[in-house]
Amino acid sequence: TTSQLTADHSTTELLRNKGQRIGEEAHSPSLDQLLTEEKKVMDERKLKKEKAYHDKDALEKRLG
């Protein structure tokens, strides 16, 4: 009947939406992954800053 088809369609949609959410959770990064990436970025910035200071000191020594 029409009402049974509508109910079946609604159930199918609910299951499909739930499956998509589960799939999204499986592909989303964990907190540990996010923190690891953030630490990596911060470490790279620190190294660049240290290199810039080192280069500046070396240049001043050569000029001075």
PDB file of N, CA and C in Angstrom:
ATOM      1  N   THR A   1       0.841  -1.193   0.000  1.00  0.00           N
ATOM      2  CA  THR A   1       0.000   0.000   0.000  1.00  0.00           C
ATOM      3  C   THR A   1       0.882   1.251   0.000  1.00  0.00           C
ATOM      4  N   THR A   2       0.233   2.360  -0.224  1.00  0.00           N
ATOM      5  CA  THR A   2       0.969   3.625  -0.291  1.00  0.00           C
ATOM      6  C   THR A   2       1.617   3.962   1.045  1.00  0.00           C
ATOM      7  N   SER A   3       0.891   3.770   2.133  1.00  0.00           N
ATOM      8  CA  SER A   3       1.463   4.105   3.447  1.00  0.00           C
ATOM      9  C   SER A   3       2.650   3.201   3.785  1.00  0.00           C
ATOM     10  N   GLN A   4       2.592   1.934   3.374  1.00  0.00           N
ATOM     11  CA  GLN A   4       3.712   1.021   3.620  1.00  0.00           C
ATOM     12  C   GLN A   4       4.932   1.440   2.806  1.00  0.00           C
ATOM     13  N   LEU A   5       4.718   1.846   1.554  1.00  0.00           N
ATOM     14  CA  LEU A   5       5.822   2.311   0.721  1.00  0.00           C
ATOM     15  C   LEU A   5       6.463   3.567   1.315  1.00  0.00           C
ATOM     16  N   THR A   6       5.623   4.471   1.818  1.00  0.00           N
ATOM     17  CA  THR A   6       6.131   5.696   2.437  1.00  0.00           C
ATOM     18  C   THR A   6       6.960   5.363   3.675  1.00  0.00           C
ATOM     19  N   ALA A   7       6.478   4.438   4.493  1.00  0.00           N
ATOM     20  CA  ALA A   7       7.206   4.028   5.693  1.00  0.00           C
ATOM     21  C   ALA A   7       8.529   3.372   5.312  1.00  0.00           C
ATOM     22  N   ASP A   8       8.507   2.519   4.299  1.00  0.00           N
ATOM     23  CA  ASP A   8       9.735   1.865   3.841  1.00  0.00           C
ATOM     24  C   ASP A   8      10.743   2.895   3.338  1.00  0.00           C
ATOM     25  N   HIS A   9      10.241   3.877   2.587  1.00  0.00           N
ATOM     26  CA  HIS A   9      11.119   4.925   2.058  1.00  0.00           C
ATOM     27  C   HIS A   9      11.741   5.733   3.207  1.00  0.00           C
ATOM     28  N   SER A  10      10.923   6.067   4.211  1.00  0.00           N
ATOM     29  CA  SER A  10      11.425   6.827   5.363  1.00  0.00           C
ATOM     30  C   SER A  10      12.495   6.043   6.105  1.00  0.00           C
ATOM     31  N   THR A  11      12.259   4.748   6.296  1.00  0.00           N
ATOM     32  CA  THR A  11      13.240   3.895   6.976  1.00  0.00           C
ATOM     33  C   THR A  11      14.534   3.833   6.181  1.00  0.00           C
ATOM     34  N   THR A  12      14.411   3.703   4.873  1.00  0.00           N
ATOM     35  CA  THR A  12      15.590   3.652   4.005  1.00  0.00           C
ATOM     36  C   THR A  12      16.388   4.947   4.117  1.00  0.00           C
ATOM     37  N   GLU A  13      15.700   6.082   4.112  1.00  0.00           N
ATOM     38  CA  GLU A  13      16.378   7.379   4.230  1.00  0.00           C
ATOM     39  C   GLU A  13      17.088   7.511   5.577  1.00  0.00           C
ATOM     40  N   LEU A  14      16.411   7.090   6.655  1.00  0.00           N
ATOM     41  CA  LEU A  14      17.032   7.167   7.978  1.00  0.00           C
ATOM     42  C   LEU A  14      18.301   6.326   8.039  1.00  0.00           C
ATOM     43  N   LEU A  15      18.231   5.118   7.514  1.00  0.00           N
ATOM     44  CA  LEU A  15      19.399   4.243   7.516  1.00  0.00           C
ATOM     45  C   LEU A  15      20.520   4.818   6.654  1.00  0.00           C
ATOM     46  N   ARG A  16      20.167   5.383   5.514  1.00  0.00           N
ATOM     47  CA  ARG A  16      21.171   5.976   4.627  1.00  0.00           C
ATOM     48  C   ARG A  16      21.860   7.147   5.330  1.00  0.00           C
ATOM     49  N   ASN A  17      21.060   8.009   5.971  1.00  0.00           N
ATOM     50  CA  ASN A  17      21.637   9.158   6.679  1.00  0.00           C
ATOM     51  C   ASN A  17      22.524   8.705   7.828  1.00  0.00           C
ATOM     52  N   LYS A  18      22.106   7.693   8.563  1.00  0.00           N
ATOM     53  CA  LYS A  18      22.914   7.176   9.667  1.00  0.00           C
ATOM     54  C   LYS A  18      24.218   6.597   9.120  1.00  0.00           C
ATOM     55  N   GLY A  19      24.148   5.900   8.023  1.00  0.00           N
ATOM     56  CA  GLY A  19      25.347   5.329   7.407  1.00  0.00           C
ATOM     57  C   GLY A  19      26.318   6.404   6.962  1.00  0.00           C
ATOM     58  N   GLN A  20      25.807   7.504   6.429  1.00  0.00           N
ATOM     59  CA  GLN A  20      26.678   8.605   6.001  1.00  0.00           C
ATOM     60  C   GLN A  20      27.390   9.216   7.198  1.00  0.00           C
ATOM     61  N   ARG A  21      26.654   9.380   8.314  1.00  0.00           N
ATOM     62  CA  ARG A  21      27.273   9.950   9.506  1.00  0.00           C
ATOM     63  C   ARG A  21      28.363   9.033  10.046  1.00  0.00           C
ATOM     64  N   ILE A  22      28.108   7.741  10.032  1.00  0.00           N
ATOM     65  CA  ILE A  22      29.115   6.787  10.497  1.00  0.00           C
ATOM     66  C   ILE A  22      30.337   6.858   9.590  1.00  0.00           C
ATOM     67  N   GLY A  23      30.104   6.950   8.287  1.00  0.00           N
ATOM     68  CA  GLY A  23      31.209   7.064   7.341  1.00  0.00           C
ATOM     69  C   GLY A  23      32.015   8.331   7.553  1.00  0.00           C
ATOM     70  N   GLU A  24      31.332   9.433   7.824  1.00  0.00           N
ATOM     71  CA  GLU A  24      32.021  10.703   8.067  1.00  0.00           C
ATOM     72  C   GLU A  24      32.876  10.614   9.324  1.00  0.00           C
ATOM     73  N   GLU A  25      32.340   9.962  10.368  1.00  0.00           N
ATOM     74  CA  GLU A  25      33.103   9.818  11.603  1.00  0.00           C
ATOM     75  C   GLU A  25      34.357   8.991  11.369  1.00  0.00           C
ATOM     76  N   ALA A  26      34.245   7.995  10.514  1.00  0.00           N
ATOM     77  CA  ALA A  26      35.392   7.129  10.235  1.00  0.00           C
ATOM     78  C   ALA A  26      36.494   7.894   9.510  1.00  0.00           C
ATOM     79  N   HIS A  27      36.113   8.916   8.749  1.00  0.00           N
ATOM     80  CA  HIS A  27      37.095   9.671   7.971  1.00  0.00           C
ATOM     81  C   HIS A  27      37.539  10.958   8.649  1.00  0.00           C
ATOM     82  N   SER A  28      36.889  11.329   9.750  1.00  0.00           N
ATOM     83  CA  SER A  28      37.287  12.568  10.414  1.00  0.00           C
ATOM     84  C   SER A  28      38.506  12.303  11.292  1.00  0.00           C
ATOM     85  N   PRO A  29      39.412  13.275  11.357  1.00  0.00           N
ATOM     86  CA  PRO A  29      40.637  13.062  12.135  1.00  0.00           C
ATOM     87  C   PRO A  29      40.333  13.014  13.633  1.00  0.00           C
ATOM     88  N   SER A  30      41.075  12.223  14.352  1.00  0.00           N
ATOM     89  CA  SER A  30      40.908  12.134  15.799  1.00  0.00           C
ATOM     90  C   SER A  30      41.570  13.349  16.451  1.00  0.00           C
ATOM     91  N   LEU A  31      41.261  13.539  17.706  1.00  0.00           N
ATOM     92  CA  LEU A  31      41.866  14.650  18.445  1.00  0.00           C
ATOM     93  C   LEU A  31      43.385  14.497  18.482  1.00  0.00           C
ATOM     94  N   ASP A  32      43.855  13.265  18.690  1.00  0.00           N
ATOM     95  CA  ASP A  32      45.302  13.029  18.702  1.00  0.00           C
ATOM     96  C   ASP A  32      45.942  13.424  17.377  1.00  0.00           C
ATOM     97  N   GLN A  33      45.276  13.085  16.266  1.00  0.00           N
ATOM     98  CA  GLN A  33      45.817  13.445  14.950  1.00  0.00           C
ATOM     99  C   GLN A  33      45.878  14.956  14.798  1.00  0.00           C
ATOM    100  N   LEU A  34      44.818  15.644  15.235  1.00  0.00           N
ATOM    101  CA  LEU A  34      44.794  17.105  15.129  1.00  0.00           C
ATOM    102  C   LEU A  34      45.897  17.734  15.979  1.00  0.00           C
ATOM    103  N   LEU A  35      46.078  17.223  17.194  1.00  0.00           N
ATOM    104  CA  LEU A  35      47.124  17.765  18.068  1.00  0.00           C
ATOM    105  C   LEU A  35      48.512  17.497  17.505  1.00  0.00           C
ATOM    106  N   THR A  36      48.701  16.332  16.933  1.00  0.00           N
ATOM    107  CA  THR A  36      49.991  15.995  16.326  1.00  0.00           C
ATOM    108  C   THR A  36      50.298  16.937  15.169  1.00  0.00           C
ATOM    109  N   GLU A  37      49.299  17.185  14.326  1.00  0.00           N
ATOM    110  CA  GLU A  37      49.488  18.107  13.201  1.00  0.00           C
ATOM    111  C   GLU A  37      49.790  19.519  13.701  1.00  0.00           C
ATOM    112  N   GLU A  38      49.063  19.953  14.731  1.00  0.00           N
ATOM    113  CA  GLU A  38      49.275  21.296  15.276  1.00  0.00           C
ATOM    114  C   GLU A  38      50.690  21.423  15.843  1.00  0.00           C
ATOM    115  N   LYS A  39      51.151  20.402  16.561  1.00  0.00           N
ATOM    116  CA  LYS A  39      52.508  20.419  17.119  1.00  0.00           C
ATOM    117  C   LYS A  39      53.541  20.478  16.002  1.00  0.00           C
ATOM    118  N   LYS A  40      53.305  19.737  14.937  1.00  0.00           N
ATOM    119  CA  LYS A  40      54.222  19.729  13.799  1.00  0.00           C
ATOM    120  C   LYS A  40      54.325  21.129  13.188  1.00  0.00           C
ATOM    121  N   VAL A  41      53.189  21.782  13.017  1.00  0.00           N
ATOM    122  CA  VAL A  41      53.173  23.135  12.454  1.00  0.00           C
ATOM    123  C   VAL A  41      53.913  24.100  13.382  1.00  0.00           C
ATOM    124  N   MET A  42      53.657  23.988  14.687  1.00  0.00           N
ATOM    125  CA  MET A  42      54.328  24.875  15.641  1.00  0.00           C
ATOM    126  C   MET A  42      55.839  24.638  15.644  1.00  0.00           C
ATOM    127  N   ASP A  43      56.254  23.375  15.581  1.00  0.00           N
ATOM    128  CA  ASP A  43      57.687  23.063  15.540  1.00  0.00           C
ATOM    129  C   ASP A  43      58.340  23.645  14.287  1.00  0.00           C
ATOM    130  N   GLU A  44      57.654  23.545  13.151  1.00  0.00           N
ATOM    131  CA  GLU A  44      58.196  24.096  11.901  1.00  0.00           C
ATOM    132  C   GLU A  44      58.341  25.611  11.998  1.00  0.00           C
ATOM    133  N   ARG A  45      57.340  26.272  12.591  1.00  0.00           N
ATOM    134  CA  ARG A  45      57.415  27.729  12.757  1.00  0.00           C
ATOM    135  C   ARG A  45      58.585  28.104  13.665  1.00  0.00           C
ATOM    136  N   LYS A  46      58.766  27.336  14.733  1.00  0.00           N
ATOM    137  CA  LYS A  46      59.863  27.606  15.668  1.00  0.00           C
ATOM    138  C   LYS A  46      61.212  27.461  14.970  1.00  0.00           C
ATOM    139  N   LEU A  47      61.352  26.413  14.170  1.00  0.00           N
ATOM    140  CA  LEU A  47      62.607  26.208  13.443  1.00  0.00           C
ATOM    141  C   LEU A  47      62.879  27.346  12.464  1.00  0.00           C
ATOM    142  N   LYS A  48      61.846  27.797  11.768  1.00  0.00           N
ATOM    143  CA  LYS A  48      62.014  28.911  10.822  1.00  0.00           C
ATOM    144  C   LYS A  48      62.450  30.173  11.556  1.00  0.00           C
ATOM    145  N   LYS A  49      61.826  30.412  12.711  1.00  0.00           N
ATOM    146  CA  LYS A  49      62.166  31.601  13.491  1.00  0.00           C
ATOM    147  C   LYS A  49      63.612  31.522  13.979  1.00  0.00           C
ATOM    148  N   GLU A  50      64.016  30.344  14.478  1.00  0.00           N
ATOM    149  CA  GLU A  50      65.398  30.170  14.939  1.00  0.00           C
ATOM    150  C   GLU A  50      66.381  30.360  13.792  1.00  0.00           C
ATOM    151  N   LYS A  51      66.045  29.854  12.625  1.00  0.00           N
ATOM    152  CA  LYS A  51      66.917  30.004  11.458  1.00  0.00           C
ATOM    153  C   LYS A  51      67.030  31.478  11.075  1.00  0.00           C
ATOM    154  N   ALA A  52      65.917  32.192  11.131  1.00  0.00           N
ATOM    155  CA  ALA A  52      65.943  33.616  10.792  1.00  0.00           C
ATOM    156  C   ALA A  52      66.851  34.380  11.755  1.00  0.00           C
ATOM    157  N   TYR A  53      66.759  34.071  13.058  1.00  0.00           N
ATOM    158  CA  TYR A  53      67.635  34.734  14.027  1.00  0.00           C
ATOM    159  C   TYR A  53      69.095  34.381  13.774  1.00  0.00           C
ATOM    160  N   HIS A  54      69.354  33.118  13.476  1.00  0.00           N
ATOM    161  CA  HIS A  54      70.721  32.675  13.195  1.00  0.00           C
ATOM    162  C   HIS A  54      71.272  33.399  11.964  1.00  0.00           C
ATOM    163  N   ASP A  55      70.460  33.479  10.910  1.00  0.00           N
ATOM    164  CA  ASP A  55      70.888  34.160   9.684  1.00  0.00           C
ATOM    165  C   ASP A  55      71.158  35.640   9.950  1.00  0.00           C
ATOM    166  N   LYS A  56      70.311  36.260  10.777  1.00  0.00           N
ATOM    167  CA  LYS A  56      70.490  37.679  11.097  1.00  0.00           C
ATOM    168  C   LYS A  56      71.801  37.882  11.862  1.00  0.00           C
ATOM    169  N   ASP A  57      72.052  37.016  12.857  1.00  0.00           N
ATOM    170  CA  ASP A  57      73.301  37.112  13.629  1.00  0.00           C
ATOM    171  C   ASP A  57      74.523  36.918  12.735  1.00  0.00           C
ATOM    172  N   ALA A  58      74.455  35.946  11.852  1.00  0.00           N
ATOM    173  CA  ALA A  58      75.579  35.669  10.947  1.00  0.00           C
ATOM    174  C   ALA A  58      75.827  36.867  10.035  1.00  0.00           C
ATOM    175  N   LEU A  59      74.769  37.482   9.534  1.00  0.00           N
ATOM    176  CA  LEU A  59      74.901  38.643   8.656  1.00  0.00           C
ATOM    177  C   LEU A  59      75.513  39.821   9.415  1.00  0.00           C
ATOM    178  N   GLU A  60      75.056  40.040  10.645  1.00  0.00           N
ATOM    179  CA  GLU A  60      75.595  41.139  11.445  1.00  0.00           C
ATOM    180  C   GLU A  60      77.083  40.933  11.734  1.00  0.00           C
ATOM    181  N   LYS A  61      77.481  39.692  11.987  1.00  0.00           N
ATOM    182  CA  LYS A  61      78.896  39.400  12.245  1.00  0.00           C
ATOM    183  C   LYS A  61      79.739  39.670  11.004  1.00  0.00           C
ATOM    184  N   ARG A  62      79.197  39.297   9.838  1.00  0.00           N
ATOM    185  CA  ARG A  62      79.946  39.524   8.594  1.00  0.00           C
ATOM    186  C   ARG A  62      80.068  41.014   8.297  1.00  0.00           C
ATOM    187  N   LEU A  63      79.015  41.757   8.562  1.00  0.00           N
ATOM    188  CA  LEU A  63      79.024  43.191   8.270  1.00  0.00           C
ATOM    189  C   LEU A  63      79.757  43.983   9.353  1.00  0.00           C
ATOM    190  N   GLY A  64      79.720  43.471  10.581  1.00  0.00           N
ATOM    191  CA  GLY A  64      80.279  44.204  11.715  1.00  0.00           C
ATOM    192  C   GLY A  64      81.718  44.006  11.853  1.00  0.00           C
TER     193      GLY A  64
END
